[in-house]
């Protein structure tokens, strides 16, 4: 029998964060039926044993046995349960009852809505850049992207009713399951990064209405620095997204532009670290040096 909302998350060695989510659902009364689906991508930090300790919530634990990546794991979770709505979320979020109830009430009262999100805040309580920009200009110009992001943030801050947006990205959002055709929500050509951007582009093209609820918010703890290997994967996923949604010509042009940007950043931090001895600056230099090393090794990023 389907529940009202299935909350689906992917765990890969994030035991402490996952435990906080489990404690929230264990202790928080909610006005709808739900299940929490945890797809574990082969964690080795004791996460699986910890899951066994939680009873009293409708928990569905799926052991993938390997690292499927994010989108494939979410698709696996969606295929395992039936629900009227699906909430896609990272483990590195801090939930609150007010936001979940507001989303439930909004969807129940707005039959046309296909996607919705609360405001996504960082742990500094500033709005993160979670609004999807469908145009190609933001990819060519970081300045244009920053301006568009700022304008959306200002609009959301000033709003007192749901704001329709092109799409939302990342850490937490809810969908009306009937608005999407099957259980494979994410494109499985993406291992990690940009699978949410491709999804937002797809439902924007299909004119599926997406909203942000400005009166409620959740905290996303992400934004930590990544490794050079992670940076390489980010660029690979970005190229796949651009090719799928904007064409191979733009993918090729932006790949070359990203290479130029990478070398500029490398030389910038190389120069700065010769003048100033600073641990953070040195880490930036080493990060871009490692990215260039991977580029030379594999011929492209």
C-alpha atoms as a PDB file:
ATOM      1  CA  UNK A   1       0.000   0.000   0.000  1.00  0.00           C
ATOM      2  CA  UNK A   2       1.495   3.362  -0.973  1.00  0.00           C
ATOM      3  CA  UNK A   3       2.367   5.979   1.636  1.00  0.00           C
ATOM      4  CA  UNK A   4       1.867   9.698   1.244  1.00  0.00           C
ATOM      5  CA  UNK A   5       5.575  10.607   1.046  1.00  0.00           C
ATOM      6  CA  UNK A   6       8.684   8.514   0.560  1.00  0.00           C
ATOM      7  CA  UNK A   7      11.871  10.219   1.703  1.00  0.00           C
ATOM      8  CA  UNK A   8      14.826   8.811  -0.234  1.00  0.00           C
ATOM      9  CA  UNK A   9      18.488   9.359   0.564  1.00  0.00           C
ATOM     10  CA  UNK A  10      21.801   7.829  -0.459  1.00  0.00           C
ATOM     11  CA  UNK A  11      24.413   6.932   2.118  1.00  0.00           C
ATOM     12  CA  UNK A  12      28.098   6.454   1.438  1.00  0.00           C
ATOM     13  CA  UNK A  13      30.106   6.460   4.652  1.00  0.00           C
ATOM     14  CA  UNK A  14      28.085   9.275   6.258  1.00  0.00           C
ATOM     15  CA  UNK A  15      26.999   7.378   9.357  1.00  0.00           C
ATOM     16  CA  UNK A  16      26.783  10.339  11.723  1.00  0.00           C
ATOM     17  CA  UNK A  17      24.712  12.436   9.315  1.00  0.00           C
ATOM     18  CA  UNK A  18      22.440   9.504   8.539  1.00  0.00           C
ATOM     19  CA  UNK A  19      21.901   8.847  12.227  1.00  0.00           C
ATOM     20  CA  UNK A  20      20.746  12.445  12.732  1.00  0.00           C
ATOM     21  CA  UNK A  21      18.167  11.994   9.945  1.00  0.00           C
ATOM     22  CA  UNK A  22      16.944   8.761  11.468  1.00  0.00           C
ATOM     23  CA  UNK A  23      16.587  10.383  14.885  1.00  0.00           C
ATOM     24  CA  UNK A  24      14.576  13.209  13.347  1.00  0.00           C
ATOM     25  CA  UNK A  25      12.059  10.853  11.727  1.00  0.00           C
ATOM     26  CA  UNK A  26      11.997   8.669  14.835  1.00  0.00           C
ATOM     27  CA  UNK A  27      11.075  11.545  17.145  1.00  0.00           C
ATOM     28  CA  UNK A  28       9.020  13.912  14.959  1.00  0.00           C
ATOM     29  CA  UNK A  29       5.236  13.465  14.595  1.00  0.00           C
ATOM     30  CA  UNK A  30       4.093  14.197  11.046  1.00  0.00           C
ATOM     31  CA  UNK A  31       0.543  14.596   9.671  1.00  0.00           C
ATOM     32  CA  UNK A  32       1.056  12.191   6.763  1.00  0.00           C
ATOM     33  CA  UNK A  33       2.131   8.607   6.242  1.00  0.00           C
ATOM     34  CA  UNK A  34       5.710   8.162   5.109  1.00  0.00           C
ATOM     35  CA  UNK A  35       8.629   5.833   4.696  1.00  0.00           C
ATOM     36  CA  UNK A  36      12.334   6.584   4.826  1.00  0.00           C
ATOM     37  CA  UNK A  37      14.344   4.831   2.129  1.00  0.00           C
ATOM     38  CA  UNK A  38      18.101   4.572   2.656  1.00  0.00           C
ATOM     39  CA  UNK A  39      20.145   3.260  -0.261  1.00  0.00           C
ATOM     40  CA  UNK A  40      23.609   2.364   0.985  1.00  0.00           C
ATOM     41  CA  UNK A  41      26.351   2.473  -1.639  1.00  0.00           C
ATOM     42  CA  UNK A  42      28.679  -0.035  -0.009  1.00  0.00           C
ATOM     43  CA  UNK A  43      29.574   1.913   3.145  1.00  0.00           C
ATOM     44  CA  UNK A  44      32.226   0.508   5.465  1.00  0.00           C
ATOM     45  CA  UNK A  45      31.773   2.895   8.417  1.00  0.00           C
ATOM     46  CA  UNK A  46      29.212   0.856  10.360  1.00  0.00           C
ATOM     47  CA  UNK A  47      26.207   2.576   8.765  1.00  0.00           C
ATOM     48  CA  UNK A  48      24.476  -0.711   7.973  1.00  0.00           C
ATOM     49  CA  UNK A  49      24.736  -1.936  11.561  1.00  0.00           C
ATOM     50  CA  UNK A  50      23.466   1.410  12.841  1.00  0.00           C
ATOM     51  CA  UNK A  51      20.360   1.168  10.633  1.00  0.00           C
ATOM     52  CA  UNK A  52      19.359  -2.021  12.435  1.00  0.00           C
ATOM     53  CA  UNK A  53      19.030  -0.094  15.707  1.00  0.00           C
ATOM     54  CA  UNK A  54      16.121   2.042  14.546  1.00  0.00           C
ATOM     55  CA  UNK A  55      12.642   0.710  14.984  1.00  0.00           C
ATOM     56  CA  UNK A  56       9.325   2.493  15.083  1.00  0.00           C
ATOM     57  CA  UNK A  57       9.715   4.237  11.741  1.00  0.00           C
ATOM     58  CA  UNK A  58       8.817   2.878   8.346  1.00  0.00           C
ATOM     59  CA  UNK A  59      12.416   2.306   7.236  1.00  0.00           C
ATOM     60  CA  UNK A  60      13.389   0.663   3.953  1.00  0.00           C
ATOM     61  CA  UNK A  61      17.088  -0.181   3.830  1.00  0.00           C
ATOM     62  CA  UNK A  62      18.578  -1.126   0.469  1.00  0.00           C
ATOM     63  CA  UNK A  63      22.128  -2.484   0.379  1.00  0.00           C
ATOM     64  CA  UNK A  64      23.541  -1.798  -3.068  1.00  0.00           C
ATOM     65  CA  UNK A  65      26.777  -3.652  -2.306  1.00  0.00           C
ATOM     66  CA  UNK A  66      28.739  -1.160  -4.427  1.00  0.00           C
ATOM     67  CA  UNK A  67      28.951   2.542  -5.119  1.00  0.00           C
ATOM     68  CA  UNK A  68      26.183   3.070  -7.672  1.00  0.00           C
ATOM     69  CA  UNK A  69      26.585   6.830  -7.717  1.00  0.00           C
ATOM     70  CA  UNK A  70      23.842   9.223  -6.664  1.00  0.00           C
ATOM     71  CA  UNK A  71      21.224   9.121  -9.425  1.00  0.00           C
ATOM     72  CA  UNK A  72      21.296   5.353  -9.909  1.00  0.00           C
ATOM     73  CA  UNK A  73      20.934   4.833  -6.157  1.00  0.00           C
ATOM     74  CA  UNK A  74      17.961   7.206  -5.939  1.00  0.00           C
ATOM     75  CA  UNK A  75      16.330   5.384  -8.855  1.00  0.00           C
ATOM     76  CA  UNK A  76      16.853   2.100  -7.008  1.00  0.00           C
ATOM     77  CA  UNK A  77      15.124   3.583  -3.964  1.00  0.00           C
ATOM     78  CA  UNK A  78      12.189   4.924  -5.976  1.00  0.00           C
ATOM     79  CA  UNK A  79      11.612   1.540  -7.599  1.00  0.00           C
ATOM     80  CA  UNK A  80      11.350  -0.094  -4.161  1.00  0.00           C
ATOM     81  CA  UNK A  81       8.426   1.938  -2.799  1.00  0.00           C
ATOM     82  CA  UNK A  82       5.101   3.427  -3.836  1.00  0.00           C
ATOM     83  CA  UNK A  83       4.059   6.876  -2.700  1.00  0.00           C
ATOM     84  CA  UNK A  84       2.095   9.881  -3.870  1.00  0.00           C
ATOM     85  CA  UNK A  85       5.099  12.162  -3.376  1.00  0.00           C
ATOM     86  CA  UNK A  86       8.843  11.573  -3.299  1.00  0.00           C
ATOM     87  CA  UNK A  87      11.291  13.685  -1.338  1.00  0.00           C
ATOM     88  CA  UNK A  88      14.868  13.484  -2.630  1.00  0.00           C
ATOM     89  CA  UNK A  89      17.441  14.485  -0.029  1.00  0.00           C
ATOM     90  CA  UNK A  90      21.108  14.343   0.856  1.00  0.00           C
ATOM     91  CA  UNK A  91      22.257  13.047   4.211  1.00  0.00           C
ATOM     92  CA  UNK A  92      23.996  16.364   5.006  1.00  0.00           C
ATOM     93  CA  UNK A  93      20.811  18.319   5.763  1.00  0.00           C
ATOM     94  CA  UNK A  94      19.074  19.428   8.952  1.00  0.00           C
ATOM     95  CA  UNK A  95      15.327  18.932   8.659  1.00  0.00           C
ATOM     96  CA  UNK A  96      12.519  20.539  10.621  1.00  0.00           C
ATOM     97  CA  UNK A  97       8.855  19.646  10.989  1.00  0.00           C
ATOM     98  CA  UNK A  98       7.592  23.051   9.792  1.00  0.00           C
ATOM     99  CA  UNK A  99       9.154  22.659   6.339  1.00  0.00           C
ATOM    100  CA  UNK A 100       7.851  19.144   5.774  1.00  0.00           C
ATOM    101  CA  UNK A 101       4.317  20.075   6.844  1.00  0.00           C
ATOM    102  CA  UNK A 102       4.396  23.182   4.627  1.00  0.00           C
ATOM    103  CA  UNK A 103       5.445  21.079   1.622  1.00  0.00           C
ATOM    104  CA  UNK A 104       2.688  18.554   2.322  1.00  0.00           C
ATOM    105  CA  UNK A 105       0.038  21.272   2.651  1.00  0.00           C
ATOM    106  CA  UNK A 106       1.284  23.017  -0.499  1.00  0.00           C
ATOM    107  CA  UNK A 107       1.157  19.918  -2.679  1.00  0.00           C
ATOM    108  CA  UNK A 108      -2.236  18.881  -1.338  1.00  0.00           C
ATOM    109  CA  UNK A 109      -3.594  22.366  -2.017  1.00  0.00           C
ATOM    110  CA  UNK A 110      -1.870  22.896  -5.391  1.00  0.00           C
ATOM    111  CA  UNK A 111      -2.723  20.026  -7.752  1.00  0.00           C
ATOM    112  CA  UNK A 112      -0.742  21.594 -10.615  1.00  0.00           C
ATOM    113  CA  UNK A 113       2.565  21.611  -8.701  1.00  0.00           C
ATOM    114  CA  UNK A 114       5.077  18.996  -9.827  1.00  0.00           C
ATOM    115  CA  UNK A 115       8.166  19.995  -7.823  1.00  0.00           C
ATOM    116  CA  UNK A 116       8.675  22.105  -4.708  1.00  0.00           C
ATOM    117  CA  UNK A 117      11.378  22.992  -2.251  1.00  0.00           C
ATOM    118  CA  UNK A 118      11.816  25.002   0.906  1.00  0.00           C
ATOM    119  CA  UNK A 119      14.541  27.635   0.886  1.00  0.00           C
ATOM    120  CA  UNK A 120      17.924  25.904   1.123  1.00  0.00           C
ATOM    121  CA  UNK A 121      20.204  27.636   3.618  1.00  0.00           C
ATOM    122  CA  UNK A 122      23.852  27.024   4.411  1.00  0.00           C
ATOM    123  CA  UNK A 123      24.946  26.504   7.997  1.00  0.00           C
ATOM    124  CA  UNK A 124      25.684  30.254   8.013  1.00  0.00           C
ATOM    125  CA  UNK A 125      21.927  30.776   7.416  1.00  0.00           C
ATOM    126  CA  UNK A 126      22.500  32.373   4.025  1.00  0.00           C
ATOM    127  CA  UNK A 127      20.493  31.244   1.013  1.00  0.00           C
ATOM    128  CA  UNK A 128      22.458  28.833  -1.150  1.00  0.00           C
ATOM    129  CA  UNK A 129      22.422  28.940  -4.948  1.00  0.00           C
ATOM    130  CA  UNK A 130      19.819  26.228  -5.426  1.00  0.00           C
ATOM    131  CA  UNK A 131      17.746  27.714  -8.274  1.00  0.00           C
ATOM    132  CA  UNK A 132      18.247  26.146 -11.705  1.00  0.00           C
ATOM    133  CA  UNK A 133      19.201  28.514 -14.566  1.00  0.00           C
ATOM    134  CA  UNK A 134      18.040  26.997 -17.887  1.00  0.00           C
ATOM    135  CA  UNK A 135      19.949  29.252 -20.282  1.00  0.00           C
ATOM    136  CA  UNK A 136      23.403  28.635 -21.732  1.00  0.00           C
ATOM    137  CA  UNK A 137      24.793  32.111 -20.874  1.00  0.00           C
ATOM    138  CA  UNK A 138      25.333  31.273 -17.211  1.00  0.00           C
ATOM    139  CA  UNK A 139      27.619  28.425 -18.273  1.00  0.00           C
ATOM    140  CA  UNK A 140      29.787  30.712 -20.385  1.00  0.00           C
ATOM    141  CA  UNK A 141      29.867  33.567 -17.892  1.00  0.00           C
ATOM    142  CA  UNK A 142      30.248  33.036 -14.155  1.00  0.00           C
ATOM    143  CA  UNK A 143      29.339  36.702 -13.684  1.00  0.00           C
ATOM    144  CA  UNK A 144      25.980  36.258 -15.405  1.00  0.00           C
ATOM    145  CA  UNK A 145      25.362  33.140 -13.331  1.00  0.00           C
ATOM    146  CA  UNK A 146      26.117  35.010 -10.104  1.00  0.00           C
ATOM    147  CA  UNK A 147      23.850  37.905 -11.062  1.00  0.00           C
ATOM    148  CA  UNK A 148      20.965  35.590 -11.918  1.00  0.00           C
ATOM    149  CA  UNK A 149      21.471  33.676  -8.685  1.00  0.00           C
ATOM    150  CA  UNK A 150      21.499  36.910  -6.678  1.00  0.00           C
ATOM    151  CA  UNK A 151      18.307  38.160  -8.329  1.00  0.00           C
ATOM    152  CA  UNK A 152      16.508  34.910  -7.475  1.00  0.00           C
ATOM    153  CA  UNK A 153      17.720  35.099  -3.870  1.00  0.00           C
ATOM    154  CA  UNK A 154      16.409  38.647  -3.523  1.00  0.00           C
ATOM    155  CA  UNK A 155      13.062  37.679  -5.032  1.00  0.00           C
ATOM    156  CA  UNK A 156      12.687  34.731  -2.671  1.00  0.00           C
ATOM    157  CA  UNK A 157      13.684  36.806   0.360  1.00  0.00           C
ATOM    158  CA  UNK A 158      11.015  39.388  -0.459  1.00  0.00           C
ATOM    159  CA  UNK A 159       8.256  36.892  -1.275  1.00  0.00           C
ATOM    160  CA  UNK A 160       5.443  35.990   1.106  1.00  0.00           C
ATOM    161  CA  UNK A 161       3.849  33.298  -1.080  1.00  0.00           C
ATOM    162  CA  UNK A 162       5.173  30.375  -3.182  1.00  0.00           C
ATOM    163  CA  UNK A 163       7.474  31.495  -5.996  1.00  0.00           C
ATOM    164  CA  UNK A 164       7.458  29.672  -9.306  1.00  0.00           C
ATOM    165  CA  UNK A 165      11.023  29.003 -10.482  1.00  0.00           C
ATOM    166  CA  UNK A 166      12.529  27.176 -13.496  1.00  0.00           C
ATOM    167  CA  UNK A 167      13.801  24.383 -11.253  1.00  0.00           C
ATOM    168  CA  UNK A 168      15.613  23.552  -8.026  1.00  0.00           C
ATOM    169  CA  UNK A 169      18.889  21.753  -7.446  1.00  0.00           C
ATOM    170  CA  UNK A 170      20.601  19.499  -5.054  1.00  0.00           C
ATOM    171  CA  UNK A 171      20.183  18.832  -1.413  1.00  0.00           C
ATOM    172  CA  UNK A 172      16.412  18.571  -0.912  1.00  0.00           C
ATOM    173  CA  UNK A 173      13.266  18.778  -3.032  1.00  0.00           C
ATOM    174  CA  UNK A 174       9.899  17.055  -3.327  1.00  0.00           C
ATOM    175  CA  UNK A 175       8.130  15.840  -6.457  1.00  0.00           C
ATOM    176  CA  UNK A 176       4.617  14.746  -7.260  1.00  0.00           C
ATOM    177  CA  UNK A 177       5.225  11.232  -8.495  1.00  0.00           C
ATOM    178  CA  UNK A 178       2.381  11.304 -11.014  1.00  0.00           C
ATOM    179  CA  UNK A 179       4.109  14.196 -12.837  1.00  0.00           C
ATOM    180  CA  UNK A 180       7.017  11.922 -13.763  1.00  0.00           C
ATOM    181  CA  UNK A 181       6.515   9.019 -16.102  1.00  0.00           C
ATOM    182  CA  UNK A 182       8.393   6.184 -14.418  1.00  0.00           C
ATOM    183  CA  UNK A 183      10.590   5.095 -11.526  1.00  0.00           C
ATOM    184  CA  UNK A 184      13.818   6.178 -13.240  1.00  0.00           C
ATOM    185  CA  UNK A 185      13.880   9.789 -12.115  1.00  0.00           C
ATOM    186  CA  UNK A 186      17.565  10.514 -12.787  1.00  0.00           C
ATOM    187  CA  UNK A 187      19.555   9.953 -15.959  1.00  0.00           C
ATOM    188  CA  UNK A 188      21.958   7.138 -15.096  1.00  0.00           C
ATOM    189  CA  UNK A 189      24.661   8.394 -17.443  1.00  0.00           C
ATOM    190  CA  UNK A 190      25.640  10.627 -14.503  1.00  0.00           C
ATOM    191  CA  UNK A 191      27.577   9.009 -11.664  1.00  0.00           C
ATOM    192  CA  UNK A 192      27.758  12.068  -9.434  1.00  0.00           C
ATOM    193  CA  UNK A 193      27.239  15.815 -10.010  1.00  0.00           C
ATOM    194  CA  UNK A 194      24.864  17.450 -12.516  1.00  0.00           C
ATOM    195  CA  UNK A 195      22.246  14.685 -12.377  1.00  0.00           C
ATOM    196  CA  UNK A 196      19.975  17.158 -10.568  1.00  0.00           C
ATOM    197  CA  UNK A 197      20.711  19.868 -13.158  1.00  0.00           C
ATOM    198  CA  UNK A 198      19.787  17.554 -16.030  1.00  0.00           C
ATOM    199  CA  UNK A 199      16.593  16.565 -14.209  1.00  0.00           C
ATOM    200  CA  UNK A 200      15.651  20.229 -13.629  1.00  0.00           C
ATOM    201  CA  UNK A 201      16.329  20.988 -17.293  1.00  0.00           C
ATOM    202  CA  UNK A 202      14.134  18.064 -18.327  1.00  0.00           C
ATOM    203  CA  UNK A 203      11.099  19.026 -16.255  1.00  0.00           C
ATOM    204  CA  UNK A 204      11.556  22.699 -17.213  1.00  0.00           C
ATOM    205  CA  UNK A 205      11.398  21.642 -20.882  1.00  0.00           C
ATOM    206  CA  UNK A 206       8.219  19.677 -20.120  1.00  0.00           C
ATOM    207  CA  UNK A 207       6.738  22.719 -18.323  1.00  0.00           C
ATOM    208  CA  UNK A 208       6.259  20.831 -15.047  1.00  0.00           C
ATOM    209  CA  UNK A 209       5.590  23.606 -12.487  1.00  0.00           C
ATOM    210  CA  UNK A 210       8.268  24.027  -9.821  1.00  0.00           C
ATOM    211  CA  UNK A 211       7.974  26.234  -6.723  1.00  0.00           C
ATOM    212  CA  UNK A 212      10.003  27.484  -3.772  1.00  0.00           C
ATOM    213  CA  UNK A 213       8.211  28.043  -0.463  1.00  0.00           C
ATOM    214  CA  UNK A 214       9.847  31.195   0.936  1.00  0.00           C
ATOM    215  CA  UNK A 215       8.336  30.923   4.400  1.00  0.00           C
ATOM    216  CA  UNK A 216      10.205  27.741   5.347  1.00  0.00           C
ATOM    217  CA  UNK A 217      13.817  26.590   5.051  1.00  0.00           C
ATOM    218  CA  UNK A 218      16.199  23.735   5.786  1.00  0.00           C
ATOM    219  CA  UNK A 219      19.932  23.711   6.440  1.00  0.00           C
ATOM    220  CA  UNK A 220      22.346  22.109   3.994  1.00  0.00           C
ATOM    221  CA  UNK A 221      25.731  21.417   5.540  1.00  0.00           C
ATOM    222  CA  UNK A 222      27.458  20.804   2.193  1.00  0.00           C
ATOM    223  CA  UNK A 223      29.929  22.989   0.396  1.00  0.00           C
ATOM    224  CA  UNK A 224      33.123  21.480   1.788  1.00  0.00           C
ATOM    225  CA  UNK A 225      36.134  21.458  -0.516  1.00  0.00           C
ATOM    226  CA  UNK A 226      36.467  18.457  -2.785  1.00  0.00           C
ATOM    227  CA  UNK A 227      39.474  16.498  -3.972  1.00  0.00           C
ATOM    228  CA  UNK A 228      41.062  16.967  -7.381  1.00  0.00           C
ATOM    229  CA  UNK A 229      39.588  13.604  -8.373  1.00  0.00           C
ATOM    230  CA  UNK A 230      36.191  14.979  -7.360  1.00  0.00           C
ATOM    231  CA  UNK A 231      36.873  18.103  -9.405  1.00  0.00           C
ATOM    232  CA  UNK A 232      37.664  15.921 -12.412  1.00  0.00           C
ATOM    233  CA  UNK A 233      34.385  14.039 -11.977  1.00  0.00           C
ATOM    234  CA  UNK A 234      32.544  17.355 -11.659  1.00  0.00           C
ATOM    235  CA  UNK A 235      33.935  18.537 -14.994  1.00  0.00           C
ATOM    236  CA  UNK A 236      33.128  15.236 -16.685  1.00  0.00           C
ATOM    237  CA  UNK A 237      29.527  15.391 -15.469  1.00  0.00           C
ATOM    238  CA  UNK A 238      29.242  19.031 -16.493  1.00  0.00           C
ATOM    239  CA  UNK A 239      30.345  18.092 -20.017  1.00  0.00           C
ATOM    240  CA  UNK A 240      27.764  15.281 -20.190  1.00  0.00           C
ATOM    241  CA  UNK A 241      25.027  17.681 -19.060  1.00  0.00           C
ATOM    242  CA  UNK A 242      25.952  20.362 -21.594  1.00  0.00           C
ATOM    243  CA  UNK A 243      26.084  17.830 -24.417  1.00  0.00           C
ATOM    244  CA  UNK A 244      22.696  16.355 -23.539  1.00  0.00           C
ATOM    245  CA  UNK A 245      20.861  19.625 -22.923  1.00  0.00           C
ATOM    246  CA  UNK A 246      22.662  22.203 -25.080  1.00  0.00           C
ATOM    247  CA  UNK A 247      24.439  20.195 -27.776  1.00  0.00           C
ATOM    248  CA  UNK A 248      27.924  18.912 -28.547  1.00  0.00           C
ATOM    249  CA  UNK A 249      29.105  22.220 -29.992  1.00  0.00           C
ATOM    250  CA  UNK A 250      28.533  24.051 -26.722  1.00  0.00           C
ATOM    251  CA  UNK A 251      30.021  21.103 -24.818  1.00  0.00           C
ATOM    252  CA  UNK A 252      33.229  21.348 -26.849  1.00  0.00           C
ATOM    253  CA  UNK A 253      33.478  25.132 -26.554  1.00  0.00           C
ATOM    254  CA  UNK A 254      32.865  25.140 -22.819  1.00  0.00           C
ATOM    255  CA  UNK A 255      35.353  22.312 -22.311  1.00  0.00           C
ATOM    256  CA  UNK A 256      38.064  24.478 -23.858  1.00  0.00           C
ATOM    257  CA  UNK A 257      36.931  27.497 -21.867  1.00  0.00           C
ATOM    258  CA  UNK A 258      37.058  25.460 -18.644  1.00  0.00           C
ATOM    259  CA  UNK A 259      40.621  24.393 -19.481  1.00  0.00           C
ATOM    260  CA  UNK A 260      41.628  28.034 -19.877  1.00  0.00           C
ATOM    261  CA  UNK A 261      39.938  28.926 -16.584  1.00  0.00           C
ATOM    262  CA  UNK A 262      41.761  26.062 -14.861  1.00  0.00           C
ATOM    263  CA  UNK A 263      45.185  27.224 -16.063  1.00  0.00           C
ATOM    264  CA  UNK A 264      44.412  30.828 -15.079  1.00  0.00           C
ATOM    265  CA  UNK A 265      43.515  29.718 -11.545  1.00  0.00           C
ATOM    266  CA  UNK A 266      46.623  27.561 -11.338  1.00  0.00           C
ATOM    267  CA  UNK A 267      48.958  30.404 -12.312  1.00  0.00           C
ATOM    268  CA  UNK A 268      47.063  32.814 -10.063  1.00  0.00           C
ATOM    269  CA  UNK A 269      47.629  30.684  -6.964  1.00  0.00           C
ATOM    270  CA  UNK A 270      51.173  29.823  -8.033  1.00  0.00           C
ATOM    271  CA  UNK A 271      51.999  33.534  -8.083  1.00  0.00           C
ATOM    272  CA  UNK A 272      50.180  34.304  -4.845  1.00  0.00           C
ATOM    273  CA  UNK A 273      51.846  31.484  -2.913  1.00  0.00           C
ATOM    274  CA  UNK A 274      55.271  32.796  -3.971  1.00  0.00           C
ATOM    275  CA  UNK A 275      54.402  36.105  -2.329  1.00  0.00           C
ATOM    276  CA  UNK A 276      52.369  34.940   0.670  1.00  0.00           C
ATOM    277  CA  UNK A 277      52.966  31.839   2.746  1.00  0.00           C
ATOM    278  CA  UNK A 278      49.445  30.716   3.595  1.00  0.00           C
ATOM    279  CA  UNK A 279      48.150  27.197   4.177  1.00  0.00           C
ATOM    280  CA  UNK A 280      44.756  27.797   2.552  1.00  0.00           C
ATOM    281  CA  UNK A 281      46.328  29.401  -0.519  1.00  0.00           C
ATOM    282  CA  UNK A 282      48.819  26.555  -0.802  1.00  0.00           C
ATOM    283  CA  UNK A 283      45.932  24.055  -0.669  1.00  0.00           C
ATOM    284  CA  UNK A 284      44.223  25.891  -3.540  1.00  0.00           C
ATOM    285  CA  UNK A 285      47.436  25.808  -5.573  1.00  0.00           C
ATOM    286  CA  UNK A 286      47.904  22.093  -4.941  1.00  0.00           C
ATOM    287  CA  UNK A 287      44.267  21.401  -5.876  1.00  0.00           C
ATOM    288  CA  UNK A 288      44.552  23.077  -9.280  1.00  0.00           C
ATOM    289  CA  UNK A 289      47.986  21.543  -9.873  1.00  0.00           C
ATOM    290  CA  UNK A 290      46.497  18.092  -9.271  1.00  0.00           C
ATOM    291  CA  UNK A 291      43.609  18.838 -11.636  1.00  0.00           C
ATOM    292  CA  UNK A 292      46.043  19.831 -14.368  1.00  0.00           C
ATOM    293  CA  UNK A 293      48.048  16.664 -13.699  1.00  0.00           C
ATOM    294  CA  UNK A 294      44.885  14.592 -14.175  1.00  0.00           C
ATOM    295  CA  UNK A 295      44.112  16.543 -17.348  1.00  0.00           C
ATOM    296  CA  UNK A 296      47.528  15.803 -18.811  1.00  0.00           C
ATOM    297  CA  UNK A 297      47.357  12.168 -17.778  1.00  0.00           C
ATOM    298  CA  UNK A 298      43.933  11.492 -19.293  1.00  0.00           C
ATOM    299  CA  UNK A 299      44.057  14.022 -22.116  1.00  0.00           C
ATOM    300  CA  UNK A 300      40.969  15.897 -20.925  1.00  0.00           C
ATOM    301  CA  UNK A 301      38.870  16.686 -17.890  1.00  0.00           C
END
